[in-house]
Amino acid sequence: MILARVAGAVAAFPLPAFGPNDRASSTQRRVQHVSGHGRRVVDLLCVVLCVVLALFACSLSACRTPHAETGASTAVDREFAGEVDAACGQCRLGLPPPGCDLAVRIEGRAYFVDGSRIDDHGDAHADDGFCNAVRRAYVVGRIEGDRFVATEFVLLP
């Protein structure tokens, strides 16, 4: 729509045309030729500017919306207490490696845990360990960025 307005505004000011039978001087013909070329350049610059502005506006709006793929939101850090899924972040909850670390899933999003380690709750590679099973736990703590800082972590039976 913006591009149509720009093209319409440029087309509203036609340049005079000099035909072969018109009595225009060679200087006037050169001016018309340069003006026609300059008009195409201006048209092209307007189109490029509109595209750049549209892309910039889209990128700004994307920064303010939730990320549907990861379940991330733009919410600020907050306190949390309740039951969660607990497991190895890499093996079971799909978090990127550095290795087997304890993680929890809160409201559909996984967070690595600070304040409790994976081996504090038994062998992580046992049949019911965090690398092989997702367990339920009651946690109290704070979500800080992409980490959950636990002040209490209790596995449920």
N, C-alpha and C. Protein backbone atom coordinates (compact mmCIF):
# COMPACT_ATOMS: atom_id res chain seq x y z
N MET A 1 0.83 -1.19 0.00
CA MET A 1 0.00 0.00 0.00
C MET A 1 0.87 1.25 0.00
N ILE A 2 1.93 1.23 0.78
CA ILE A 2 2.84 2.37 0.82
C ILE A 2 3.51 2.55 -0.54
N LEU A 3 3.92 1.40 -1.12
CA LEU A 3 4.58 1.48 -2.42
C LEU A 3 3.66 2.05 -3.48
N ALA A 4 2.37 1.70 -3.43
CA ALA A 4 1.41 2.22 -4.40
C ALA A 4 1.26 3.73 -4.25
N ARG A 5 1.26 4.22 -3.02
CA ARG A 5 1.16 5.67 -2.80
C ARG A 5 2.39 6.39 -3.33
N VAL A 6 3.57 5.81 -3.10
CA VAL A 6 4.80 6.44 -3.58
C VAL A 6 4.80 6.47 -5.10
N ALA A 7 4.44 5.35 -5.72
CA ALA A 7 4.42 5.29 -7.18
C ALA A 7 3.39 6.25 -7.75
N GLY A 8 2.23 6.36 -7.09
CA GLY A 8 1.19 7.29 -7.53
C GLY A 8 1.64 8.73 -7.41
N ALA A 9 2.35 9.05 -6.34
CA ALA A 9 2.81 10.42 -6.14
C ALA A 9 3.87 10.79 -7.18
N VAL A 10 4.74 9.85 -7.50
CA VAL A 10 5.76 10.12 -8.51
C VAL A 10 5.13 10.25 -9.88
N ALA A 11 4.14 9.43 -10.19
CA ALA A 11 3.48 9.47 -11.50
C ALA A 11 2.62 10.72 -11.65
N ALA A 12 2.25 11.38 -10.59
CA ALA A 12 1.39 12.58 -10.65
C ALA A 12 2.13 13.77 -11.22
N PHE A 13 3.44 13.71 -11.32
CA PHE A 13 4.22 14.81 -11.86
C PHE A 13 4.97 14.36 -13.11
N PRO A 14 4.26 14.26 -14.25
CA PRO A 14 4.93 13.79 -15.46
C PRO A 14 5.91 14.82 -15.99
N LEU A 15 6.96 14.32 -16.58
CA LEU A 15 7.94 15.20 -17.20
C LEU A 15 7.50 15.49 -18.63
N PRO A 16 7.82 16.66 -19.17
CA PRO A 16 7.43 16.97 -20.54
C PRO A 16 8.19 16.06 -21.51
N ALA A 17 7.47 15.60 -22.52
CA ALA A 17 8.08 14.73 -23.53
C ALA A 17 8.41 15.54 -24.76
N PHE A 18 9.56 15.34 -25.29
CA PHE A 18 9.96 16.01 -26.52
C PHE A 18 10.09 14.95 -27.61
N GLY A 19 9.28 15.08 -28.61
CA GLY A 19 9.35 14.16 -29.74
C GLY A 19 10.34 14.65 -30.78
N PRO A 20 10.53 13.85 -31.82
CA PRO A 20 11.51 14.22 -32.83
C PRO A 20 11.09 15.45 -33.64
N ASN A 21 9.78 15.74 -33.72
CA ASN A 21 9.32 16.88 -34.51
C ASN A 21 9.14 18.14 -33.67
N ASP A 22 9.32 18.04 -32.36
CA ASP A 22 9.18 19.21 -31.49
C ASP A 22 10.40 20.10 -31.67
N ARG A 23 10.18 21.39 -31.47
CA ARG A 23 11.29 22.34 -31.61
C ARG A 23 11.94 22.56 -30.25
N ALA A 24 12.57 21.57 -29.75
CA ALA A 24 13.29 21.69 -28.48
C ALA A 24 14.76 21.74 -28.78
N SER A 25 15.44 22.52 -28.04
CA SER A 25 16.88 22.61 -28.26
C SER A 25 17.55 21.34 -27.76
N SER A 26 18.77 21.13 -28.17
CA SER A 26 19.52 19.96 -27.71
C SER A 26 19.71 20.00 -26.21
N THR A 27 19.82 21.20 -25.63
CA THR A 27 19.96 21.33 -24.17
C THR A 27 18.69 20.85 -23.48
N GLN A 28 17.53 21.22 -24.02
CA GLN A 28 16.28 20.78 -23.42
C GLN A 28 16.15 19.26 -23.51
N ARG A 29 16.58 18.67 -24.62
CA ARG A 29 16.50 17.21 -24.75
C ARG A 29 17.43 16.53 -23.73
N ARG A 30 18.63 17.09 -23.54
CA ARG A 30 19.55 16.52 -22.56
C ARG A 30 18.97 16.61 -21.15
N VAL A 31 18.34 17.74 -20.83
CA VAL A 31 17.72 17.91 -19.51
C VAL A 31 16.61 16.90 -19.33
N GLN A 32 15.79 16.70 -20.36
CA GLN A 32 14.69 15.73 -20.27
C GLN A 32 15.25 14.33 -20.09
N HIS A 33 16.30 13.99 -20.81
CA HIS A 33 16.89 12.66 -20.69
C HIS A 33 17.45 12.44 -19.29
N VAL A 34 18.17 13.40 -18.76
CA VAL A 34 18.73 13.29 -17.41
C VAL A 34 17.62 13.26 -16.38
N SER A 35 16.59 14.08 -16.58
CA SER A 35 15.48 14.10 -15.63
C SER A 35 14.76 12.76 -15.60
N GLY A 36 14.56 12.15 -16.75
CA GLY A 36 13.91 10.83 -16.81
C GLY A 36 14.73 9.79 -16.09
N HIS A 37 16.05 9.81 -16.29
CA HIS A 37 16.93 8.87 -15.60
C HIS A 37 16.92 9.13 -14.09
N GLY A 38 16.97 10.41 -13.72
CA GLY A 38 16.93 10.77 -12.30
C GLY A 38 15.64 10.35 -11.64
N ARG A 39 14.56 10.41 -12.38
CA ARG A 39 13.26 10.00 -11.84
C ARG A 39 13.26 8.52 -11.53
N ARG A 40 13.86 7.71 -12.41
CA ARG A 40 13.93 6.27 -12.16
C ARG A 40 14.76 5.99 -10.91
N VAL A 41 15.82 6.74 -10.73
CA VAL A 41 16.67 6.57 -9.54
C VAL A 41 15.88 6.94 -8.29
N VAL A 42 15.14 8.03 -8.34
CA VAL A 42 14.33 8.45 -7.19
C VAL A 42 13.27 7.41 -6.89
N ASP A 43 12.62 6.87 -7.94
CA ASP A 43 11.62 5.81 -7.74
C ASP A 43 12.25 4.61 -7.04
N LEU A 44 13.42 4.20 -7.51
CA LEU A 44 14.10 3.06 -6.92
C LEU A 44 14.48 3.33 -5.47
N LEU A 45 14.98 4.52 -5.19
CA LEU A 45 15.33 4.86 -3.81
C LEU A 45 14.12 4.87 -2.89
N CYS A 46 12.98 5.35 -3.40
CA CYS A 46 11.75 5.34 -2.59
C CYS A 46 11.32 3.92 -2.27
N VAL A 47 11.40 3.03 -3.25
CA VAL A 47 11.02 1.64 -3.03
C VAL A 47 11.96 1.00 -2.00
N VAL A 48 13.26 1.20 -2.15
CA VAL A 48 14.22 0.63 -1.21
C VAL A 48 13.99 1.17 0.20
N LEU A 49 13.75 2.46 0.32
CA LEU A 49 13.48 3.06 1.63
C LEU A 49 12.23 2.47 2.27
N CYS A 50 11.18 2.28 1.49
CA CYS A 50 9.95 1.70 2.03
C CYS A 50 10.17 0.27 2.51
N VAL A 51 10.93 -0.51 1.75
CA VAL A 51 11.21 -1.89 2.15
C VAL A 51 12.02 -1.92 3.44
N VAL A 52 13.03 -1.08 3.54
CA VAL A 52 13.86 -1.04 4.75
C VAL A 52 13.02 -0.63 5.95
N LEU A 53 12.17 0.37 5.80
CA LEU A 53 11.32 0.79 6.92
C LEU A 53 10.34 -0.30 7.32
N ALA A 54 9.79 -1.01 6.34
CA ALA A 54 8.86 -2.10 6.66
C ALA A 54 9.57 -3.21 7.43
N LEU A 55 10.77 -3.58 6.99
CA LEU A 55 11.52 -4.61 7.70
C LEU A 55 11.88 -4.17 9.11
N PHE A 56 12.26 -2.93 9.28
CA PHE A 56 12.59 -2.40 10.60
C PHE A 56 11.37 -2.43 11.52
N ALA A 57 10.21 -2.03 10.99
CA ALA A 57 8.98 -2.04 11.79
C ALA A 57 8.62 -3.46 12.20
N CYS A 58 8.78 -4.42 11.30
CA CYS A 58 8.48 -5.82 11.62
C CYS A 58 9.42 -6.35 12.70
N SER A 59 10.69 -5.99 12.61
CA SER A 59 11.63 -6.47 13.62
C SER A 59 11.33 -5.88 14.99
N LEU A 60 10.88 -4.64 15.03
CA LEU A 60 10.51 -4.04 16.32
C LEU A 60 9.31 -4.72 16.93
N SER A 61 8.30 -5.03 16.11
CA SER A 61 7.10 -5.68 16.66
C SER A 61 7.42 -7.09 17.11
N ALA A 62 8.36 -7.78 16.46
CA ALA A 62 8.73 -9.13 16.87
C ALA A 62 9.41 -9.12 18.22
N CYS A 63 10.10 -8.05 18.59
CA CYS A 63 10.79 -7.98 19.87
C CYS A 63 9.81 -7.88 21.03
N ARG A 64 8.61 -7.43 20.76
CA ARG A 64 7.65 -7.21 21.84
C ARG A 64 6.65 -8.35 22.00
N THR A 65 6.73 -9.38 21.15
CA THR A 65 5.75 -10.45 21.20
C THR A 65 6.38 -11.70 21.79
N PRO A 66 5.55 -12.60 22.37
CA PRO A 66 6.10 -13.84 22.90
C PRO A 66 6.67 -14.71 21.79
N HIS A 67 7.62 -15.56 22.13
CA HIS A 67 8.21 -16.49 21.19
C HIS A 67 7.46 -17.80 21.31
N ALA A 68 6.59 -18.05 20.35
CA ALA A 68 5.69 -19.20 20.43
C ALA A 68 6.46 -20.53 20.38
N GLU A 69 7.57 -20.59 19.62
CA GLU A 69 8.27 -21.85 19.48
C GLU A 69 8.86 -22.33 20.80
N THR A 70 9.41 -21.43 21.59
CA THR A 70 10.09 -21.83 22.81
C THR A 70 9.22 -21.69 24.04
N GLY A 71 8.08 -21.05 23.92
CA GLY A 71 7.25 -20.80 25.07
C GLY A 71 7.78 -19.66 25.91
N ALA A 72 8.81 -18.97 25.41
CA ALA A 72 9.39 -17.87 26.17
C ALA A 72 8.46 -16.67 26.11
N SER A 73 8.52 -15.87 27.11
CA SER A 73 7.74 -14.64 27.10
C SER A 73 8.66 -13.50 27.47
N THR A 74 8.14 -12.30 27.32
CA THR A 74 8.95 -11.14 27.64
C THR A 74 8.71 -10.72 29.10
N ALA A 75 8.11 -11.59 29.90
CA ALA A 75 7.82 -11.27 31.29
C ALA A 75 9.12 -11.07 32.07
N VAL A 76 9.03 -10.25 33.11
CA VAL A 76 10.19 -9.99 33.95
C VAL A 76 10.41 -11.16 34.90
N ASP A 77 11.57 -11.20 35.54
CA ASP A 77 11.87 -12.25 36.51
C ASP A 77 10.80 -12.26 37.58
N ARG A 78 10.48 -13.48 38.08
CA ARG A 78 9.40 -13.57 39.06
C ARG A 78 9.58 -14.77 39.97
N GLU A 79 8.87 -14.73 41.08
CA GLU A 79 8.86 -15.82 42.06
C GLU A 79 7.96 -16.93 41.55
N PHE A 80 8.28 -18.18 41.96
CA PHE A 80 7.43 -19.31 41.60
C PHE A 80 7.48 -20.34 42.71
N ALA A 81 6.32 -20.92 43.02
CA ALA A 81 6.23 -22.03 43.96
C ALA A 81 5.15 -22.96 43.45
N GLY A 82 5.46 -24.25 43.35
CA GLY A 82 4.46 -25.20 42.89
C GLY A 82 5.09 -26.48 42.37
N GLU A 83 4.21 -27.37 41.85
CA GLU A 83 4.67 -28.64 41.31
C GLU A 83 5.12 -28.45 39.87
N VAL A 84 6.21 -29.13 39.52
CA VAL A 84 6.79 -29.01 38.19
C VAL A 84 7.27 -30.37 37.72
N ASP A 85 7.56 -30.48 36.43
CA ASP A 85 8.29 -31.62 35.91
C ASP A 85 9.77 -31.34 36.12
N ALA A 86 10.50 -32.36 36.59
CA ALA A 86 11.95 -32.21 36.81
C ALA A 86 12.66 -33.35 36.10
N ALA A 87 13.76 -33.03 35.43
CA ALA A 87 14.52 -34.03 34.71
C ALA A 87 15.85 -33.43 34.28
N CYS A 88 16.61 -34.23 33.53
CA CYS A 88 17.83 -33.72 32.93
C CYS A 88 17.43 -32.77 31.80
N GLY A 89 17.98 -31.57 31.83
CA GLY A 89 17.61 -30.58 30.83
C GLY A 89 17.96 -31.00 29.42
N GLN A 90 19.12 -31.62 29.26
CA GLN A 90 19.56 -32.01 27.93
C GLN A 90 18.89 -33.31 27.48
N CYS A 91 18.86 -34.34 28.33
CA CYS A 91 18.35 -35.65 27.94
C CYS A 91 16.83 -35.69 27.80
N ARG A 92 16.11 -34.97 28.65
CA ARG A 92 14.65 -35.10 28.69
C ARG A 92 13.86 -33.85 28.36
N LEU A 93 14.41 -32.66 28.60
CA LEU A 93 13.61 -31.45 28.43
C LEU A 93 14.02 -30.61 27.22
N GLY A 94 14.96 -31.12 26.43
CA GLY A 94 15.29 -30.46 25.18
C GLY A 94 16.11 -29.19 25.28
N LEU A 95 16.78 -28.97 26.40
CA LEU A 95 17.64 -27.78 26.52
C LEU A 95 18.98 -28.05 25.86
N PRO A 96 19.68 -27.01 25.43
CA PRO A 96 20.97 -27.21 24.76
C PRO A 96 22.02 -27.72 25.73
N PRO A 97 23.01 -28.45 25.21
CA PRO A 97 24.04 -28.99 26.09
C PRO A 97 24.89 -27.90 26.69
N PRO A 98 25.33 -28.09 27.92
CA PRO A 98 26.71 -28.37 28.15
C PRO A 98 26.86 -29.76 28.73
N GLY A 99 25.78 -30.39 29.13
CA GLY A 99 25.86 -31.73 29.70
C GLY A 99 24.60 -32.01 30.49
N CYS A 100 24.67 -33.03 31.33
CA CYS A 100 23.51 -33.42 32.12
C CYS A 100 23.40 -32.52 33.35
N ASP A 101 22.42 -31.63 33.32
CA ASP A 101 22.17 -30.73 34.44
C ASP A 101 20.68 -30.76 34.78
N LEU A 102 20.37 -30.56 36.04
CA LEU A 102 18.99 -30.56 36.51
C LEU A 102 18.22 -29.39 35.89
N ALA A 103 16.98 -29.69 35.48
CA ALA A 103 16.13 -28.66 34.91
C ALA A 103 14.69 -28.92 35.32
N VAL A 104 13.87 -27.88 35.26
CA VAL A 104 12.44 -27.99 35.56
C VAL A 104 11.65 -27.37 34.41
N ARG A 105 10.42 -27.87 34.24
CA ARG A 105 9.53 -27.29 33.25
C ARG A 105 8.41 -26.57 33.99
N ILE A 106 8.36 -25.24 33.81
CA ILE A 106 7.36 -24.40 34.47
C ILE A 106 6.51 -23.76 33.39
N GLU A 107 5.21 -24.02 33.45
CA GLU A 107 4.25 -23.45 32.49
C GLU A 107 4.70 -23.66 31.06
N GLY A 108 5.18 -24.87 30.76
CA GLY A 108 5.54 -25.24 29.40
C GLY A 108 6.94 -24.85 28.96
N ARG A 109 7.70 -24.18 29.79
CA ARG A 109 9.06 -23.76 29.41
C ARG A 109 10.07 -24.37 30.36
N ALA A 110 11.18 -24.87 29.81
CA ALA A 110 12.22 -25.53 30.60
C ALA A 110 13.28 -24.52 31.04
N TYR A 111 13.74 -24.70 32.29
CA TYR A 111 14.78 -23.84 32.86
C TYR A 111 15.82 -24.72 33.55
N PHE A 112 17.10 -24.44 33.35
CA PHE A 112 18.12 -25.09 34.15
C PHE A 112 17.98 -24.58 35.58
N VAL A 113 18.35 -25.42 36.56
CA VAL A 113 18.16 -25.11 37.98
C VAL A 113 19.49 -24.72 38.63
N ASP A 114 19.48 -23.64 39.38
CA ASP A 114 20.57 -23.27 40.27
C ASP A 114 20.07 -23.50 41.69
N GLY A 115 20.90 -23.98 42.58
CA GLY A 115 20.50 -24.21 43.97
C GLY A 115 20.24 -25.66 44.29
N SER A 116 20.25 -26.53 43.28
CA SER A 116 20.11 -27.97 43.47
C SER A 116 20.78 -28.62 42.27
N ARG A 117 21.55 -29.70 42.52
CA ARG A 117 22.26 -30.36 41.44
C ARG A 117 21.60 -31.68 41.09
N ILE A 118 21.85 -32.16 39.91
CA ILE A 118 21.21 -33.39 39.43
C ILE A 118 21.60 -34.59 40.30
N ASP A 119 22.83 -34.64 40.78
CA ASP A 119 23.27 -35.78 41.59
C ASP A 119 22.88 -35.67 43.06
N ASP A 120 22.27 -34.55 43.47
CA ASP A 120 21.76 -34.43 44.84
C ASP A 120 20.55 -35.33 45.06
N HIS A 121 19.99 -35.88 43.99
CA HIS A 121 18.75 -36.65 44.09
C HIS A 121 18.93 -38.07 43.58
N GLY A 122 20.14 -38.61 43.75
CA GLY A 122 20.40 -39.99 43.34
C GLY A 122 21.17 -40.03 42.03
N ASP A 123 21.35 -41.25 41.53
CA ASP A 123 22.10 -41.46 40.29
C ASP A 123 21.25 -41.01 39.10
N ALA A 124 21.73 -40.04 38.37
CA ALA A 124 20.97 -39.49 37.25
C ALA A 124 20.77 -40.51 36.14
N HIS A 125 21.67 -41.53 36.06
CA HIS A 125 21.58 -42.51 34.98
C HIS A 125 20.95 -43.83 35.42
N ALA A 126 20.37 -43.87 36.63
CA ALA A 126 19.61 -45.04 37.06
C ALA A 126 18.31 -45.10 36.27
N ASP A 127 17.58 -46.21 36.39
CA ASP A 127 16.33 -46.36 35.64
C ASP A 127 15.33 -45.25 35.95
N ASP A 128 15.29 -44.82 37.23
CA ASP A 128 14.35 -43.75 37.60
C ASP A 128 15.09 -42.41 37.78
N GLY A 129 16.33 -42.34 37.30
CA GLY A 129 17.12 -41.11 37.42
C GLY A 129 16.65 -40.05 36.42
N PHE A 130 17.12 -38.84 36.63
CA PHE A 130 16.66 -37.70 35.83
C PHE A 130 17.01 -37.81 34.34
N CYS A 131 18.04 -38.54 33.98
CA CYS A 131 18.38 -38.69 32.56
C CYS A 131 17.49 -39.70 31.86
N ASN A 132 16.79 -40.54 32.63
CA ASN A 132 15.94 -41.58 32.04
C ASN A 132 14.46 -41.39 32.32
N ALA A 133 14.11 -40.48 33.21
CA ALA A 133 12.69 -40.30 33.54
C ALA A 133 12.42 -38.85 33.93
N VAL A 134 11.23 -38.41 33.60
CA VAL A 134 10.77 -37.09 34.05
C VAL A 134 10.02 -37.32 35.35
N ARG A 135 10.42 -36.62 36.40
CA ARG A 135 9.80 -36.81 37.72
C ARG A 135 9.06 -35.55 38.12
N ARG A 136 8.16 -35.68 39.09
CA ARG A 136 7.44 -34.52 39.63
C ARG A 136 8.17 -34.04 40.87
N ALA A 137 8.18 -32.72 41.04
CA ALA A 137 8.86 -32.12 42.20
C ALA A 137 8.08 -30.89 42.62
N TYR A 138 8.22 -30.55 43.90
CA TYR A 138 7.68 -29.30 44.43
C TYR A 138 8.87 -28.36 44.58
N VAL A 139 8.76 -27.18 43.97
CA VAL A 139 9.87 -26.24 44.02
C VAL A 139 9.39 -24.87 44.50
N VAL A 140 10.32 -24.16 45.13
CA VAL A 140 10.12 -22.76 45.50
C VAL A 140 11.38 -22.03 45.04
N GLY A 141 11.18 -20.90 44.41
CA GLY A 141 12.34 -20.14 43.96
C GLY A 141 11.95 -18.99 43.06
N ARG A 142 12.89 -18.61 42.24
CA ARG A 142 12.71 -17.43 41.38
C ARG A 142 13.20 -17.74 39.97
N ILE A 143 12.42 -17.34 38.97
CA ILE A 143 12.84 -17.43 37.58
C ILE A 143 13.65 -16.18 37.29
N GLU A 144 14.89 -16.39 36.88
CA GLU A 144 15.78 -15.27 36.54
C GLU A 144 16.33 -15.51 35.14
N GLY A 145 15.74 -14.85 34.17
CA GLY A 145 16.15 -15.04 32.78
C GLY A 145 15.80 -16.43 32.32
N ASP A 146 16.81 -17.22 31.92
CA ASP A 146 16.57 -18.58 31.45
C ASP A 146 16.97 -19.62 32.50
N ARG A 147 17.02 -19.22 33.78
CA ARG A 147 17.38 -20.13 34.86
C ARG A 147 16.36 -20.04 35.98
N PHE A 148 16.21 -21.16 36.72
CA PHE A 148 15.36 -21.18 37.91
C PHE A 148 16.28 -21.31 39.12
N VAL A 149 16.24 -20.32 40.01
CA VAL A 149 17.06 -20.33 41.22
C VAL A 149 16.20 -20.89 42.35
N ALA A 150 16.49 -22.12 42.73
CA ALA A 150 15.67 -22.84 43.71
C ALA A 150 16.11 -22.55 45.13
N THR A 151 15.15 -22.25 45.99
CA THR A 151 15.41 -22.17 47.41
C THR A 151 14.91 -23.42 48.10
N GLU A 152 14.01 -24.17 47.41
CA GLU A 152 13.49 -25.44 47.92
C GLU A 152 13.24 -26.34 46.73
N PHE A 153 13.68 -27.62 46.82
CA PHE A 153 13.49 -28.58 45.73
C PHE A 153 13.22 -29.93 46.37
N VAL A 154 11.96 -30.42 46.29
CA VAL A 154 11.57 -31.68 46.92
C VAL A 154 10.96 -32.59 45.86
N LEU A 155 11.57 -33.78 45.68
CA LEU A 155 10.99 -34.75 44.74
C LEU A 155 9.72 -35.34 45.35
N LEU A 156 8.71 -35.49 44.53
CA LEU A 156 7.45 -36.09 44.99
C LEU A 156 7.47 -37.58 44.66
N PRO A 157 6.79 -38.39 45.51
CA PRO A 157 6.79 -39.84 45.27
C PRO A 157 6.02 -40.23 44.01
